Amino acid sequence: MLDPAQLYEVDPDAPHLPEPVLVVVLDGFVDAGNAGALAVEALKEGREAVPVARFDIDQLVDYRSRRPPLRFETDHWAGYTPPALDVVALTDTGDTGYLLLSGPEPDTQWERFVAAVGLLVEEFGIRLVITLGGIPMAAPHTRPIGVTAHATRTELVSDHTPWFTTAEVPGSASALLEYRLGQAGQDAMGFAVHVPHYLARSAYPQAARILLDHAGLAAGLYLPTEELSKAAEQAEKEIAEQVGESEEVGQIVSALEEQYDQVIAAREDGGLGQGLGGELPSGDELAAEFEKFLSDSAQGKPETDDPPHEPPA
């Protein structure tokens, strides 16, 4: 493998924070409800992002698979903002510093990218890495938003009840990063917020707020969620109006509510989702839903009103 240190440059004026947390949000994978992207916006809104490190994007991104936009004006090209994969230093609402790695998920060289992040973890004395994202789920918007937590050590997520046992899902650079960091003995964890499948391709600020709540609690940070809370209230009103205008959608939501309530009852009894009939999809069904989501997104297909699974009888 080529030297991973040649994949990035550290800013000469980069601040060195005392044992900071690194939050990682990479776009280009699932991110249902734009949960991760909205979380990044909230973290940066109104706060100075101090450069720490910049990855060589030309080595990592396939421009032909997701072409960055250029602005055309009348008879000439007038502007271009290249994609960026950066680490920046931010402060929470209590002025505690932390690091944020955000930008496009690498299309290539995952192992080298992960090794490069590992070098940054060592160089900056990072004590914990937290990845964030959203996944589509057969769950209604009228119930509390669930979160799947995972970590390199069980102790890091001991206060979270698992939703699934075993599942094989499409890989991501973030997942590989957590896996490799765990092998190296570095603490890392992640939160995947459950976004109702029928809202997965819409901005869902509720999900982003939940992500930051969980990340802040795990990291001991006071992350900004005020604007997300305001946006969530507005989104709830709009969703309620849209559901109220469609009898078919209302029936789907009602079926999902019944299924969800049965799932919660089973979880409280110590059961994990293994299928339908009152439980969440199994690992195989979850993987199939991921595949469908990624395939439809790549082809630009609109989300249908049909639930991904038949409601329980």
C-alpha atoms as a PDB file:
ATOM      1  CA  MET A   1       0.000   0.000   0.000  1.00  0.00           C
ATOM      2  CA  LEU A   2       1.247   3.482  -0.831  1.00  0.00           C
ATOM      3  CA  ASP A   3       2.179   5.702   2.078  1.00  0.00           C
ATOM      4  CA  PRO A   4      -1.161   6.876   3.581  1.00  0.00           C
ATOM      5  CA  ALA A   5       0.537  10.011   4.904  1.00  0.00           C
ATOM      6  CA  GLN A   6       0.791  11.233   1.293  1.00  0.00           C
ATOM      7  CA  LEU A   7      -2.984  11.234   1.031  1.00  0.00           C
ATOM      8  CA  TYR A   8      -3.451  14.379   3.130  1.00  0.00           C
ATOM      9  CA  GLU A   9      -1.772  17.576   4.270  1.00  0.00           C
ATOM     10  CA  VAL A  10      -1.914  18.970   7.794  1.00  0.00           C
ATOM     11  CA  ASP A  11      -2.382  22.720   8.025  1.00  0.00           C
ATOM     12  CA  PRO A  12       0.760  24.283   9.512  1.00  0.00           C
ATOM     13  CA  ASP A  13      -1.396  26.380  11.841  1.00  0.00           C
ATOM     14  CA  ALA A  14      -3.669  23.521  12.871  1.00  0.00           C
ATOM     15  CA  PRO A  15      -4.624  23.706  16.552  1.00  0.00           C
ATOM     16  CA  HIS A  16      -3.767  20.768  18.798  1.00  0.00           C
ATOM     17  CA  LEU A  17      -6.694  20.197  21.139  1.00  0.00           C
ATOM     18  CA  PRO A  18      -6.358  18.159  24.349  1.00  0.00           C
ATOM     19  CA  GLU A  19      -7.588  14.609  23.548  1.00  0.00           C
ATOM     20  CA  PRO A  20     -10.334  15.719  21.155  1.00  0.00           C
ATOM     21  CA  VAL A  21     -13.243  13.740  19.744  1.00  0.00           C
ATOM     22  CA  LEU A  22     -13.391  13.276  15.969  1.00  0.00           C
ATOM     23  CA  VAL A  23     -16.866  13.306  14.412  1.00  0.00           C
ATOM     24  CA  VAL A  24     -16.964  11.703  10.949  1.00  0.00           C
ATOM     25  CA  VAL A  25     -19.747  12.298   8.408  1.00  0.00           C
ATOM     26  CA  LEU A  26     -19.121  11.112   4.843  1.00  0.00           C
ATOM     27  CA  ASP A  27     -21.735  11.642   2.150  1.00  0.00           C
ATOM     28  CA  GLY A  28     -22.335   9.442  -0.868  1.00  0.00           C
ATOM     29  CA  PHE A  29     -23.594   6.357   0.967  1.00  0.00           C
ATOM     30  CA  VAL A  30     -27.101   5.982   2.417  1.00  0.00           C
ATOM     31  CA  ASP A  31     -27.712   9.019   4.687  1.00  0.00           C
ATOM     32  CA  ALA A  32     -31.502   8.683   4.660  1.00  0.00           C
ATOM     33  CA  GLY A  33     -33.292  11.932   5.352  1.00  0.00           C
ATOM     34  CA  ASN A  34     -30.039  13.820   4.715  1.00  0.00           C
ATOM     35  CA  ALA A  35     -29.479  13.239   8.423  1.00  0.00           C
ATOM     36  CA  GLY A  36     -25.689  13.372   8.280  1.00  0.00           C
ATOM     37  CA  ALA A  37     -25.559  16.329   5.905  1.00  0.00           C
ATOM     38  CA  LEU A  38     -27.990  18.324   8.045  1.00  0.00           C
ATOM     39  CA  ALA A  39     -25.963  17.472  11.141  1.00  0.00           C
ATOM     40  CA  VAL A  40     -22.796  18.831   9.511  1.00  0.00           C
ATOM     41  CA  GLU A  41     -24.594  22.055   8.564  1.00  0.00           C
ATOM     42  CA  ALA A  42     -25.780  22.485  12.147  1.00  0.00           C
ATOM     43  CA  LEU A  43     -22.286  21.892  13.552  1.00  0.00           C
ATOM     44  CA  LYS A  44     -20.744  24.505  11.269  1.00  0.00           C
ATOM     45  CA  GLU A  45     -23.548  27.091  11.311  1.00  0.00           C
ATOM     46  CA  GLY A  46     -22.314  30.341  12.854  1.00  0.00           C
ATOM     47  CA  ARG A  47     -19.042  28.797  14.070  1.00  0.00           C
ATOM     48  CA  GLU A  48     -15.481  29.211  12.837  1.00  0.00           C
ATOM     49  CA  ALA A  49     -14.187  26.047  11.213  1.00  0.00           C
ATOM     50  CA  VAL A  50     -10.400  26.087  11.687  1.00  0.00           C
ATOM     51  CA  PRO A  51      -8.539  24.000   9.067  1.00  0.00           C
ATOM     52  CA  VAL A  52      -6.686  20.992  10.431  1.00  0.00           C
ATOM     53  CA  ALA A  53      -6.077  18.648   7.493  1.00  0.00           C
ATOM     54  CA  ARG A  54      -7.148  18.315   3.853  1.00  0.00           C
ATOM     55  CA  PHE A  55      -7.272  15.099   1.844  1.00  0.00           C
ATOM     56  CA  ASP A  56      -6.114  14.971  -1.773  1.00  0.00           C
ATOM     57  CA  ILE A  57      -9.560  14.670  -3.328  1.00  0.00           C
ATOM     58  CA  ASP A  58      -8.212  13.842  -6.803  1.00  0.00           C
ATOM     59  CA  GLN A  59      -6.889  10.548  -5.455  1.00  0.00           C
ATOM     60  CA  LEU A  60     -10.149   9.556  -3.799  1.00  0.00           C
ATOM     61  CA  VAL A  61     -13.123  10.699  -5.867  1.00  0.00           C
ATOM     62  CA  ASP A  62     -14.360   9.371  -9.209  1.00  0.00           C
ATOM     63  CA  TYR A  63     -15.619  12.571 -10.820  1.00  0.00           C
ATOM     64  CA  ARG A  64     -17.465  10.686 -13.546  1.00  0.00           C
ATOM     65  CA  SER A  65     -19.643   8.826 -11.050  1.00  0.00           C
ATOM     66  CA  ARG A  66     -20.737  12.018  -9.265  1.00  0.00           C
ATOM     67  CA  ARG A  67     -19.823  15.029 -11.307  1.00  0.00           C
ATOM     68  CA  PRO A  68     -19.240  18.245  -9.353  1.00  0.00           C
ATOM     69  CA  PRO A  69     -21.215  21.193 -10.740  1.00  0.00           C
ATOM     70  CA  LEU A  70     -19.674  24.104 -12.623  1.00  0.00           C
ATOM     71  CA  ARG A  71     -21.547  27.370 -13.103  1.00  0.00           C
ATOM     72  CA  PHE A  72     -22.143  28.527 -16.689  1.00  0.00           C
ATOM     73  CA  GLU A  73     -23.031  32.146 -17.461  1.00  0.00           C
ATOM     74  CA  THR A  74     -24.163  33.112 -20.971  1.00  0.00           C
ATOM     75  CA  ASP A  75     -20.990  32.231 -22.885  1.00  0.00           C
ATOM     76  CA  HIS A  76     -18.370  31.137 -20.365  1.00  0.00           C
ATOM     77  CA  TRP A  77     -17.661  28.977 -17.336  1.00  0.00           C
ATOM     78  CA  ALA A  78     -17.900  31.345 -14.384  1.00  0.00           C
ATOM     79  CA  GLY A  79     -17.228  29.263 -11.317  1.00  0.00           C
ATOM     80  CA  TYR A  80     -16.235  25.929  -9.851  1.00  0.00           C
ATOM     81  CA  THR A  81     -16.151  24.783  -6.247  1.00  0.00           C
ATOM     82  CA  PRO A  82     -14.286  21.472  -6.084  1.00  0.00           C
ATOM     83  CA  PRO A  83     -15.373  18.822  -3.596  1.00  0.00           C
ATOM     84  CA  ALA A  84     -13.451  18.844  -0.332  1.00  0.00           C
ATOM     85  CA  LEU A  85     -12.746  16.190   2.271  1.00  0.00           C
ATOM     86  CA  ASP A  86     -11.397  18.071   5.267  1.00  0.00           C
ATOM     87  CA  VAL A  87     -10.788  17.864   8.976  1.00  0.00           C
ATOM     88  CA  VAL A  88     -11.650  21.090  10.790  1.00  0.00           C
ATOM     89  CA  ALA A  89     -11.644  22.146  14.428  1.00  0.00           C
ATOM     90  CA  LEU A  90     -14.912  23.409  15.883  1.00  0.00           C
ATOM     91  CA  THR A  91     -16.261  24.313  19.306  1.00  0.00           C
ATOM     92  CA  ASP A  92     -19.514  23.219  20.898  1.00  0.00           C
ATOM     93  CA  THR A  93     -21.939  25.597  22.608  1.00  0.00           C
ATOM     94  CA  GLY A  94     -19.790  25.388  25.741  1.00  0.00           C
ATOM     95  CA  ASP A  95     -16.617  26.332  23.811  1.00  0.00           C
ATOM     96  CA  THR A  96     -15.120  22.844  24.067  1.00  0.00           C
ATOM     97  CA  GLY A  97     -13.081  21.996  20.992  1.00  0.00           C
ATOM     98  CA  TYR A  98     -13.510  18.915  18.829  1.00  0.00           C
ATOM     99  CA  LEU A  99     -12.702  17.815  15.266  1.00  0.00           C
ATOM    100  CA  LEU A 100     -14.989  17.169  12.304  1.00  0.00           C
ATOM    101  CA  LEU A 101     -14.115  15.128   9.212  1.00  0.00           C
ATOM    102  CA  SER A 102     -16.707  15.635   6.488  1.00  0.00           C
ATOM    103  CA  GLY A 103     -17.017  15.481   2.734  1.00  0.00           C
ATOM    104  CA  PRO A 104     -17.540  12.892   0.009  1.00  0.00           C
ATOM    105  CA  GLU A 105     -17.006   9.250   0.849  1.00  0.00           C
ATOM    106  CA  PRO A 106     -13.917   8.077  -1.067  1.00  0.00           C
ATOM    107  CA  ASP A 107     -14.713   6.088  -4.210  1.00  0.00           C
ATOM    108  CA  THR A 108     -11.320   4.386  -4.142  1.00  0.00           C
ATOM    109  CA  GLN A 109      -8.437   3.519  -1.808  1.00  0.00           C
ATOM    110  CA  TRP A 110     -10.568   2.815   1.245  1.00  0.00           C
ATOM    111  CA  GLU A 111      -7.826   0.982   3.112  1.00  0.00           C
ATOM    112  CA  ARG A 112      -5.333   3.743   2.449  1.00  0.00           C
ATOM    113  CA  PHE A 113      -7.875   6.394   3.471  1.00  0.00           C
ATOM    114  CA  VAL A 114      -8.655   4.536   6.696  1.00  0.00           C
ATOM    115  CA  ALA A 115      -4.946   4.202   7.438  1.00  0.00           C
ATOM    116  CA  ALA A 116      -4.542   7.938   6.833  1.00  0.00           C
ATOM    117  CA  VAL A 117      -7.313   8.749   9.305  1.00  0.00           C
ATOM    118  CA  GLY A 118      -5.580   6.424  11.756  1.00  0.00           C
ATOM    119  CA  LEU A 119      -2.418   8.479  11.425  1.00  0.00           C
ATOM    120  CA  LEU A 120      -4.376  11.652  12.139  1.00  0.00           C
ATOM    121  CA  VAL A 121      -5.944   9.985  15.168  1.00  0.00           C
ATOM    122  CA  GLU A 122      -2.445   9.299  16.515  1.00  0.00           C
ATOM    123  CA  GLU A 123      -1.008  12.692  15.586  1.00  0.00           C
ATOM    124  CA  PHE A 124      -3.796  14.676  17.252  1.00  0.00           C
ATOM    125  CA  GLY A 125      -4.311  12.379  20.236  1.00  0.00           C
ATOM    126  CA  ILE A 126      -7.943  11.725  19.372  1.00  0.00           C
ATOM    127  CA  ARG A 127      -9.637   9.789  22.188  1.00  0.00           C
ATOM    128  CA  LEU A 128     -12.851   8.819  20.390  1.00  0.00           C
ATOM    129  CA  VAL A 129     -14.091   8.670  16.792  1.00  0.00           C
ATOM    130  CA  ILE A 130     -17.855   8.943  16.173  1.00  0.00           C
ATOM    131  CA  THR A 131     -19.485   8.312  12.782  1.00  0.00           C
ATOM    132  CA  LEU A 132     -22.979   9.565  11.951  1.00  0.00           C
ATOM    133  CA  GLY A 133     -25.574   8.714   9.301  1.00  0.00           C
ATOM    134  CA  GLY A 134     -29.185   7.836   8.557  1.00  0.00           C
ATOM    135  CA  ILE A 135     -30.710   4.570   7.352  1.00  0.00           C
ATOM    136  CA  PRO A 136     -34.202   3.932   5.891  1.00  0.00           C
ATOM    137  CA  MET A 137     -36.425   1.896   8.183  1.00  0.00           C
ATOM    138  CA  ALA A 138     -39.960   0.508   8.135  1.00  0.00           C
ATOM    139  CA  ALA A 139     -40.984   2.785  10.982  1.00  0.00           C
ATOM    140  CA  PRO A 140     -43.640   5.515  11.283  1.00  0.00           C
ATOM    141  CA  HIS A 141     -42.794   9.177  11.787  1.00  0.00           C
ATOM    142  CA  THR A 142     -45.374   9.306  14.577  1.00  0.00           C
ATOM    143  CA  ARG A 143     -43.253   7.248  16.968  1.00  0.00           C
ATOM    144  CA  PRO A 144     -39.915   8.029  18.687  1.00  0.00           C
ATOM    145  CA  ILE A 145     -36.988   7.908  16.287  1.00  0.00           C
ATOM    146  CA  GLY A 146     -34.800   4.860  16.800  1.00  0.00           C
ATOM    147  CA  VAL A 147     -31.023   4.686  16.583  1.00  0.00           C
ATOM    148  CA  THR A 148     -28.711   1.766  15.920  1.00  0.00           C
ATOM    149  CA  ALA A 149     -25.509   2.218  17.913  1.00  0.00           C
ATOM    150  CA  HIS A 150     -22.302   0.296  17.267  1.00  0.00           C
ATOM    151  CA  ALA A 151     -18.794   0.520  18.642  1.00  0.00           C
ATOM    152  CA  THR A 152     -15.379  -1.071  18.886  1.00  0.00           C
ATOM    153  CA  ARG A 153     -16.088  -1.887  22.550  1.00  0.00           C
ATOM    154  CA  THR A 154     -19.407  -3.065  23.976  1.00  0.00           C
ATOM    155  CA  GLU A 155     -18.963  -0.717  26.931  1.00  0.00           C
ATOM    156  CA  LEU A 156     -19.290   2.302  24.628  1.00  0.00           C
ATOM    157  CA  VAL A 157     -22.866   1.359  23.695  1.00  0.00           C
ATOM    158  CA  SER A 158     -23.944  -0.527  26.805  1.00  0.00           C
ATOM    159  CA  ASP A 159     -26.909   1.817  27.340  1.00  0.00           C
ATOM    160  CA  HIS A 160     -28.321   1.061  23.861  1.00  0.00           C
ATOM    161  CA  THR A 161     -30.584  -1.932  23.271  1.00  0.00           C
ATOM    162  CA  PRO A 162     -29.701  -3.610  19.941  1.00  0.00           C
ATOM    163  CA  TRP A 163     -32.297  -3.675  17.184  1.00  0.00           C
ATOM    164  CA  PHE A 164     -30.731  -6.518  15.217  1.00  0.00           C
ATOM    165  CA  THR A 165     -28.491  -9.498  15.737  1.00  0.00           C
ATOM    166  CA  THR A 166     -26.511 -10.325  12.575  1.00  0.00           C
ATOM    167  CA  ALA A 167     -26.708  -8.500   9.244  1.00  0.00           C
ATOM    168  CA  GLU A 168     -24.560  -8.163   6.146  1.00  0.00           C
ATOM    169  CA  VAL A 169     -25.093  -4.765   4.546  1.00  0.00           C
ATOM    170  CA  PRO A 170     -23.304  -2.883   1.759  1.00  0.00           C
ATOM    171  CA  GLY A 171     -19.973  -1.642   3.039  1.00  0.00           C
ATOM    172  CA  SER A 172     -19.008   1.977   3.607  1.00  0.00           C
ATOM    173  CA  ALA A 173     -15.765   3.809   4.268  1.00  0.00           C
ATOM    174  CA  SER A 174     -17.117   4.891   7.664  1.00  0.00           C
ATOM    175  CA  ALA A 175     -17.890   1.319   8.671  1.00  0.00           C
ATOM    176  CA  LEU A 176     -14.470   0.134   7.532  1.00  0.00           C
ATOM    177  CA  LEU A 177     -12.883   2.989   9.463  1.00  0.00           C
ATOM    178  CA  GLU A 178     -14.584   1.921  12.693  1.00  0.00           C
ATOM    179  CA  TYR A 179     -13.644  -1.710  12.073  1.00  0.00           C
ATOM    180  CA  ARG A 180      -9.961  -0.971  11.458  1.00  0.00           C
ATOM    181  CA  LEU A 181      -9.739   1.443  14.379  1.00  0.00           C
ATOM    182  CA  GLY A 182     -11.142  -1.263  16.610  1.00  0.00           C
ATOM    183  CA  GLN A 183      -8.521  -3.704  15.407  1.00  0.00           C
ATOM    184  CA  ALA A 184      -5.894  -1.105  16.320  1.00  0.00           C
ATOM    185  CA  GLY A 185      -7.306  -0.691  19.834  1.00  0.00           C
ATOM    186  CA  GLN A 186      -8.746   2.786  19.195  1.00  0.00           C
ATOM    187  CA  ASP A 187     -12.147   3.679  20.614  1.00  0.00           C
ATOM    188  CA  ALA A 188     -14.656   4.337  17.840  1.00  0.00           C
ATOM    189  CA  MET A 189     -18.432   4.212  17.610  1.00  0.00           C
ATOM    190  CA  GLY A 190     -21.262   5.253  15.366  1.00  0.00           C
ATOM    191  CA  PHE A 191     -24.938   6.110  15.297  1.00  0.00           C
ATOM    192  CA  ALA A 192     -27.314   5.262  12.454  1.00  0.00           C
ATOM    193  CA  VAL A 193     -30.627   7.025  12.936  1.00  0.00           C
ATOM    194  CA  HIS A 194     -33.764   5.261  11.695  1.00  0.00           C
ATOM    195  CA  VAL A 195     -35.567   7.391   9.116  1.00  0.00           C
ATOM    196  CA  PRO A 196     -39.083   6.368   7.992  1.00  0.00           C
ATOM    197  CA  HIS A 197     -38.569   4.817   4.567  1.00  0.00           C
ATOM    198  CA  TYR A 198     -41.210   7.046   2.975  1.00  0.00           C
ATOM    199  CA  LEU A 199     -39.257  10.138   4.110  1.00  0.00           C
ATOM    200  CA  ALA A 200     -35.794   8.781   3.312  1.00  0.00           C
ATOM    201  CA  ARG A 201     -35.262  10.995   0.266  1.00  0.00           C
ATOM    202  CA  SER A 202     -36.487  14.166   1.920  1.00  0.00           C
ATOM    203  CA  ALA A 203     -34.685  16.415   4.361  1.00  0.00           C
ATOM    204  CA  TYR A 204     -35.624  15.125   7.809  1.00  0.00           C
ATOM    205  CA  PRO A 205     -34.151  17.476  10.438  1.00  0.00           C
ATOM    206  CA  GLN A 206     -35.646  15.385  13.232  1.00  0.00           C
ATOM    207  CA  ALA A 207     -33.139  12.640  12.404  1.00  0.00           C
ATOM    208  CA  ALA A 208     -30.170  15.035  12.372  1.00  0.00           C
ATOM    209  CA  ARG A 209     -31.165  16.382  15.769  1.00  0.00           C
ATOM    210  CA  ILE A 210     -31.290  12.864  17.192  1.00  0.00           C
ATOM    211  CA  LEU A 211     -27.820  12.132  15.771  1.00  0.00           C
ATOM    212  CA  LEU A 212     -26.306  15.187  17.439  1.00  0.00           C
ATOM    213  CA  ASP A 213     -28.072  14.429  20.719  1.00  0.00           C
ATOM    214  CA  HIS A 214     -26.541  10.951  20.804  1.00  0.00           C
ATOM    215  CA  ALA A 215     -23.116  12.085  19.602  1.00  0.00           C
ATOM    216  CA  GLY A 216     -23.008  14.880  22.150  1.00  0.00           C
ATOM    217  CA  LEU A 217     -23.932  12.552  24.999  1.00  0.00           C
ATOM    218  CA  ALA A 218     -21.315   9.981  23.951  1.00  0.00           C
ATOM    219  CA  ALA A 219     -18.579  12.586  23.498  1.00  0.00           C
ATOM    220  CA  GLY A 220     -19.402  14.822  26.442  1.00  0.00           C
ATOM    221  CA  LEU A 221     -20.092  17.733  24.076  1.00  0.00           C
ATOM    222  CA  TYR A 222     -22.911  20.273  23.888  1.00  0.00           C
ATOM    223  CA  LEU A 223     -23.620  20.158  20.168  1.00  0.00           C
ATOM    224  CA  PRO A 224     -25.904  22.805  18.623  1.00  0.00           C
ATOM    225  CA  THR A 225     -29.434  21.564  17.848  1.00  0.00           C
ATOM    226  CA  GLU A 226     -31.587  24.680  18.283  1.00  0.00           C
ATOM    227  CA  GLU A 227     -32.001  25.381  14.557  1.00  0.00           C
ATOM    228  CA  LEU A 228     -32.596  21.707  13.833  1.00  0.00           C
ATOM    229  CA  SER A 229     -35.348  21.675  16.460  1.00  0.00           C
ATOM    230  CA  LYS A 230     -37.050  24.625  14.769  1.00  0.00           C
ATOM    231  CA  ALA A 231     -36.766  22.970  11.361  1.00  0.00           C
ATOM    232  CA  ALA A 232     -38.095  19.720  12.829  1.00  0.00           C
ATOM    233  CA  GLU A 233     -41.226  21.425  14.146  1.00  0.00           C
ATOM    234  CA  GLN A 234     -41.947  22.861  10.711  1.00  0.00           C
ATOM    235  CA  ALA A 235     -41.267  19.533   9.033  1.00  0.00           C
ATOM    236  CA  GLU A 236     -43.644  17.734  11.394  1.00  0.00           C
ATOM    237  CA  LYS A 237     -46.446  20.117  10.426  1.00  0.00           C
ATOM    238  CA  GLU A 238     -45.802  19.625   6.719  1.00  0.00           C
ATOM    239  CA  ILE A 239     -45.649  15.839   7.040  1.00  0.00           C
ATOM    240  CA  ALA A 240     -48.907  15.768   9.013  1.00  0.00           C
ATOM    241  CA  GLU A 241     -50.597  17.832   6.298  1.00  0.00           C
ATOM    242  CA  GLN A 242     -49.348  15.537   3.527  1.00  0.00           C
ATOM    243  CA  VAL A 243     -50.391  12.387   5.373  1.00  0.00           C
ATOM    244  CA  GLY A 244     -53.789  13.887   6.065  1.00  0.00           C
ATOM    245  CA  GLU A 245     -54.346  14.532   2.360  1.00  0.00           C
ATOM    246  CA  SER A 246     -53.799  10.875   1.351  1.00  0.00           C
ATOM    247  CA  GLU A 247     -55.940   8.052   2.685  1.00  0.00           C
ATOM    248  CA  GLU A 248     -53.514   5.505   1.224  1.00  0.00           C
ATOM    249  CA  VAL A 249     -50.512   7.021   2.999  1.00  0.00           C
ATOM    250  CA  GLY A 250     -52.507   7.252   6.197  1.00  0.00           C
ATOM    251  CA  GLN A 251     -53.234   3.518   6.039  1.00  0.00           C
ATOM    252  CA  ILE A 252     -49.545   2.758   5.513  1.00  0.00           C
ATOM    253  CA  VAL A 253     -48.604   4.879   8.512  1.00  0.00           C
ATOM    254  CA  SER A 254     -51.253   3.174  10.643  1.00  0.00           C
ATOM    255  CA  ALA A 255     -49.904  -0.267   9.674  1.00  0.00           C
ATOM    256  CA  LEU A 256     -46.367   0.824  10.499  1.00  0.00           C
ATOM    257  CA  GLU A 257     -47.525   2.174  13.869  1.00  0.00           C
ATOM    258  CA  GLU A 258     -49.037  -1.191  14.737  1.00  0.00           C
ATOM    259  CA  GLN A 259     -45.892  -3.011  13.656  1.00  0.00           C
ATOM    260  CA  TYR A 260     -43.651  -0.590  15.539  1.00  0.00           C
ATOM    261  CA  ASP A 261     -45.643  -0.918  18.761  1.00  0.00           C
ATOM    262  CA  GLN A 262     -45.329  -4.692  18.585  1.00  0.00           C
ATOM    263  CA  VAL A 263     -41.584  -4.377  18.016  1.00  0.00           C
ATOM    264  CA  ILE A 264     -41.162  -2.167  21.078  1.00  0.00           C
ATOM    265  CA  ALA A 265     -43.144  -4.616  23.193  1.00  0.00           C
ATOM    266  CA  ALA A 266     -40.886  -7.444  21.988  1.00  0.00           C
ATOM    267  CA  ARG A 267     -37.721  -5.440  22.696  1.00  0.00           C
ATOM    268  CA  GLU A 268     -38.895  -4.699  26.231  1.00  0.00           C
ATOM    269  CA  ASP A 269     -39.239  -8.453  26.700  1.00  0.00           C
ATOM    270  CA  GLY A 270     -35.646  -8.896  25.544  1.00  0.00           C
ATOM    271  CA  GLY A 271     -36.354  -9.926  21.945  1.00  0.00           C
ATOM    272  CA  LEU A 272     -34.474  -8.653  18.871  1.00  0.00           C
ATOM    273  CA  GLY A 273     -35.951  -8.104  15.418  1.00  0.00           C
ATOM    274  CA  GLN A 274     -35.764 -11.292  13.348  1.00  0.00           C
ATOM    275  CA  GLY A 275     -38.534 -10.753  10.835  1.00  0.00           C
ATOM    276  CA  LEU A 276     -42.093  -9.566  10.430  1.00  0.00           C
ATOM    277  CA  GLY A 277     -45.181 -10.477  12.377  1.00  0.00           C
ATOM    278  CA  GLY A 278     -44.658  -7.815  15.004  1.00  0.00           C
ATOM    279  CA  GLU A 279     -40.889  -7.382  14.660  1.00  0.00           C
ATOM    280  CA  LEU A 280     -38.544  -5.218  12.600  1.00  0.00           C
ATOM    281  CA  PRO A 281     -36.989  -6.627   9.402  1.00  0.00           C
ATOM    282  CA  SER A 282     -34.297  -9.260   9.776  1.00  0.00           C
ATOM    283  CA  GLY A 283     -30.681  -8.597   8.918  1.00  0.00           C
ATOM    284  CA  ASP A 284     -31.171 -10.002   5.413  1.00  0.00           C
ATOM    285  CA  GLU A 285     -34.255  -7.834   4.862  1.00  0.00           C
ATOM    286  CA  LEU A 286     -32.393  -4.789   6.140  1.00  0.00           C
ATOM    287  CA  ALA A 287     -29.531  -5.483   3.739  1.00  0.00           C
ATOM    288  CA  ALA A 288     -32.007  -5.841   0.859  1.00  0.00           C
ATOM    289  CA  GLU A 289     -33.562  -2.495   1.803  1.00  0.00           C
ATOM    290  CA  PHE A 290     -30.111  -0.853   1.782  1.00  0.00           C
ATOM    291  CA  GLU A 291     -29.415  -2.297  -1.661  1.00  0.00           C
ATOM    292  CA  LYS A 292     -32.743  -1.031  -3.003  1.00  0.00           C
ATOM    293  CA  PHE A 293     -32.177   2.422  -1.526  1.00  0.00           C
ATOM    294  CA  LEU A 294     -28.714   2.703  -3.062  1.00  0.00           C
ATOM    295  CA  SER A 295     -29.887   1.367  -6.430  1.00  0.00           C
ATOM    296  CA  ASP A 296     -32.882   3.715  -6.623  1.00  0.00           C
ATOM    297  CA  SER A 297     -30.743   6.681  -5.580  1.00  0.00           C
ATOM    298  CA  ALA A 298     -28.179   5.942  -8.291  1.00  0.00           C
ATOM    299  CA  GLN A 299     -30.935   5.711 -10.908  1.00  0.00           C
ATOM    300  CA  GLY A 300     -32.774   8.779  -9.639  1.00  0.00           C
ATOM    301  CA  LYS A 301     -35.972   6.877  -8.916  1.00  0.00           C
ATOM    302  CA  PRO A 302     -38.538   8.639  -6.720  1.00  0.00           C
ATOM    303  CA  GLU A 303     -39.582   7.081  -3.436  1.00  0.00           C
ATOM    304  CA  THR A 304     -42.892   5.200  -3.673  1.00  0.00           C
ATOM    305  CA  ASP A 305     -45.670   5.191  -1.125  1.00  0.00           C
ATOM    306  CA  ASP A 306     -45.440   1.416  -0.733  1.00  0.00           C
ATOM    307  CA  PRO A 307     -43.851   0.125   2.473  1.00  0.00           C
ATOM    308  CA  PRO A 308     -40.698  -1.983   1.999  1.00  0.00           C
ATOM    309  CA  HIS A 309     -42.340  -4.916   3.754  1.00  0.00           C
ATOM    310  CA  GLU A 310     -45.894  -6.168   4.033  1.00  0.00           C
ATOM    311  CA  PRO A 311     -47.540  -4.949   7.257  1.00  0.00           C
ATOM    312  CA  PRO A 312     -48.339  -7.603   9.831  1.00  0.00           C
ATOM    313  CA  ALA A 313     -51.685  -9.339   9.471  1.00  0.00           C
END
